[in-house]
Amino acid sequence: MATKNYPKKRKVLAIASPGGHWIQLNKICNPLEDRFDMVYVTPGAGYATAAKNSRRVLTITDASADSKHKLIPLAFQLLLIFIKERPTAIISTGAAPGAIAFLIAKALPIKTIWVDSIANVSQISRSGRMVKKHADKVITQWQPLSDGENIIYKGSIL
């Protein structure tokens, strides 16, 4: 009896900083887990141990604008994850780890989607402004922040 060769699920890296960014990322990605091979990446080591048994969570160095000396080690860790995992897409809700991942992905054939945090009511986040020229899609959760071209409004995820 011949077996069918089903197409392999596309792999998506879901990257976010701990806290609110992580919560929003999970709200977005939970429904995607049936359609995609999801790999989560976060500096929040506690999230990896608390994850569901079937969920893969990789931990990375935490970095921010206040800890610039950690950005280079973070970039190397992300590059190694890209080489090992070979994702077809990256989705992030921020902050620095997502931004660094997007800048690396720009040089690779990896699609990127940035969902700016719902906490940014009056302007796009610093990380969002940094990646908007490099991301395939930038989504805001506040209609007044949409420019209709580079930054699109899709509603709130919460």
Protein backbone atom coordinates (compact mmCIF):
# COMPACT_ATOMS: atom_id res chain seq x y z
CA MET A 1 0.00 0.00 0.00
CA ALA A 2 1.45 3.36 -1.02
CA THR A 3 1.56 6.20 1.45
CA LYS A 4 0.78 9.74 0.48
CA ASN A 5 3.44 12.38 0.80
CA TYR A 6 1.68 15.15 2.64
CA PRO A 7 3.29 18.56 2.47
CA LYS A 8 5.34 19.45 5.51
CA LYS A 9 3.86 22.17 7.71
CA ARG A 10 5.52 25.54 7.31
CA LYS A 11 7.61 26.54 10.29
CA VAL A 12 6.91 29.86 11.99
CA LEU A 13 9.08 31.42 14.68
CA ALA A 14 7.02 33.41 17.17
CA ILE A 15 9.32 35.82 19.02
CA ALA A 16 8.50 38.17 21.89
CA SER A 17 9.87 39.71 25.04
CA PRO A 18 8.41 38.55 28.36
CA GLY A 19 5.27 40.10 29.85
CA GLY A 20 2.62 41.80 27.74
CA HIS A 21 4.44 41.15 24.46
CA TRP A 22 4.45 37.41 25.25
CA ILE A 23 0.77 37.38 26.25
CA GLN A 24 -0.26 39.10 23.01
CA LEU A 25 1.94 36.81 20.92
CA ASN A 26 0.27 33.75 22.45
CA LYS A 27 -3.21 35.15 21.76
CA ILE A 28 -2.24 35.54 18.11
CA CYS A 29 -0.41 32.23 17.72
CA ASN A 30 -2.57 29.77 19.68
CA PRO A 31 -5.02 29.40 16.75
CA LEU A 32 -2.10 28.97 14.30
CA GLU A 33 -0.68 25.88 16.00
CA ASP A 34 -2.89 23.50 14.00
CA ARG A 35 -1.81 24.96 10.65
CA PHE A 36 1.89 25.66 11.25
CA ASP A 37 4.88 24.14 13.00
CA MET A 38 5.22 26.83 15.67
CA VAL A 39 8.48 27.45 17.52
CA TYR A 40 8.37 30.08 20.25
CA VAL A 41 11.41 32.18 21.14
CA THR A 42 11.67 34.38 24.22
CA PRO A 43 14.13 35.65 26.82
CA GLY A 44 11.63 34.50 29.46
CA ALA A 45 13.22 31.24 30.68
CA GLY A 46 10.22 30.65 32.94
CA TYR A 47 7.94 30.48 29.90
CA ALA A 48 9.85 27.52 28.48
CA THR A 49 9.30 25.41 31.58
CA ALA A 50 5.66 26.46 31.88
CA ALA A 51 4.87 25.69 28.21
CA LYS A 52 2.53 22.94 27.11
CA ASN A 53 4.26 19.61 26.49
CA SER A 54 3.73 19.94 22.74
CA ARG A 55 4.95 23.52 22.51
CA ARG A 56 8.58 24.22 21.68
CA VAL A 57 9.96 27.27 23.46
CA LEU A 58 13.56 28.34 22.93
CA THR A 59 15.18 30.84 25.27
CA ILE A 60 17.49 33.64 24.24
CA THR A 61 19.39 36.47 25.90
CA ASP A 62 17.26 39.41 26.94
CA ALA A 63 18.32 42.74 25.46
CA SER A 64 16.86 46.20 25.13
CA ALA A 65 17.81 49.76 24.34
CA ASP A 66 19.03 49.97 27.94
CA SER A 67 21.31 46.94 27.55
CA LYS A 68 22.85 47.48 24.12
CA HIS A 69 25.89 45.32 24.98
CA LYS A 70 23.57 42.28 24.91
CA LEU A 71 22.31 42.93 21.36
CA ILE A 72 25.26 41.23 19.62
CA PRO A 73 25.03 37.97 21.62
CA LEU A 74 21.26 38.06 21.01
CA ALA A 75 21.81 38.46 17.26
CA PHE A 76 24.16 35.46 17.17
CA GLN A 77 21.69 33.33 19.12
CA LEU A 78 18.89 34.26 16.72
CA LEU A 79 21.05 33.55 13.68
CA LEU A 80 21.85 30.08 15.04
CA ILE A 81 18.15 29.46 15.65
CA PHE A 82 17.39 30.51 12.04
CA ILE A 83 20.06 28.13 10.72
CA LYS A 84 18.82 25.23 12.84
CA GLU A 85 15.06 25.77 12.52
CA ARG A 86 14.85 27.12 8.95
CA PRO A 87 11.59 29.05 9.45
CA THR A 88 9.54 30.28 6.51
CA ALA A 89 8.09 33.13 8.58
CA ILE A 90 8.57 35.12 11.78
CA ILE A 91 5.88 36.84 13.79
CA SER A 92 6.63 39.18 16.67
CA THR A 93 4.84 41.52 19.03
CA GLY A 94 8.12 43.07 20.17
CA ALA A 95 10.34 44.28 21.55
CA ALA A 96 14.14 44.15 20.97
CA PRO A 97 14.39 40.37 20.33
CA GLY A 98 11.73 40.63 17.63
CA ALA A 99 13.34 43.69 16.08
CA ILE A 100 16.77 42.06 15.91
CA ALA A 101 15.21 38.91 14.42
CA PHE A 102 13.53 41.00 11.71
CA LEU A 103 16.75 42.77 10.81
CA ILE A 104 18.49 39.39 10.40
CA ALA A 105 15.54 37.93 8.47
CA LYS A 106 15.75 40.80 5.98
CA ALA A 107 18.94 39.23 4.63
CA LEU A 108 17.31 35.79 4.42
CA PRO A 109 14.25 34.52 2.53
CA ILE A 110 12.05 34.68 5.64
CA LYS A 111 8.68 36.47 5.67
CA THR A 112 8.02 38.74 8.66
CA ILE A 113 4.91 40.05 10.41
CA TRP A 114 5.18 42.64 13.17
CA VAL A 115 2.14 43.20 15.40
CA ASP A 116 2.73 46.35 17.41
CA SER A 117 1.75 46.18 21.06
CA ILE A 118 -1.73 47.29 22.07
CA ALA A 119 -0.05 49.44 24.74
CA ASN A 120 1.18 51.84 22.05
CA VAL A 121 -1.82 54.12 21.75
CA SER A 122 -0.31 57.37 20.51
CA GLN A 123 2.55 56.13 18.32
CA ILE A 124 4.13 52.97 16.97
CA SER A 125 6.68 51.45 19.37
CA ARG A 126 10.39 52.21 19.03
CA SER A 127 10.97 48.64 17.80
CA GLY A 128 8.01 48.90 15.44
CA ARG A 129 9.40 52.08 13.91
CA MET A 130 12.77 50.37 13.51
CA VAL A 131 11.38 47.32 11.66
CA LYS A 132 8.61 48.91 9.59
CA LYS A 133 10.92 49.39 6.59
CA HIS A 134 12.16 45.81 6.84
CA ALA A 135 8.99 43.86 7.73
CA ASP A 136 6.71 42.31 5.14
CA LYS A 137 3.72 43.42 7.24
CA VAL A 138 3.37 45.81 10.16
CA ILE A 139 0.06 45.68 11.97
CA THR A 140 -1.21 48.14 14.55
CA GLN A 141 -4.03 47.56 17.00
CA TRP A 142 -5.07 51.22 16.92
CA GLN A 143 -6.76 52.60 13.81
CA PRO A 144 -5.31 56.16 14.15
CA LEU A 145 -1.78 54.72 13.90
CA SER A 146 -2.44 53.08 10.54
CA ASP A 147 -1.10 54.86 7.49
CA GLY A 148 -2.99 52.50 5.17
CA GLU A 149 0.19 51.42 3.38
CA ASN A 150 3.15 50.48 5.57
CA ILE A 151 1.26 50.14 8.86
CA ILE A 152 -2.13 48.50 8.64
CA TYR A 153 -4.95 48.28 11.16
CA LYS A 154 -6.50 44.85 11.75
CA GLY A 155 -8.27 45.44 15.07
CA SER A 156 -7.36 44.48 18.60
CA ILE A 157 -6.23 41.00 19.58
CA LEU A 158 -7.26 41.35 23.22
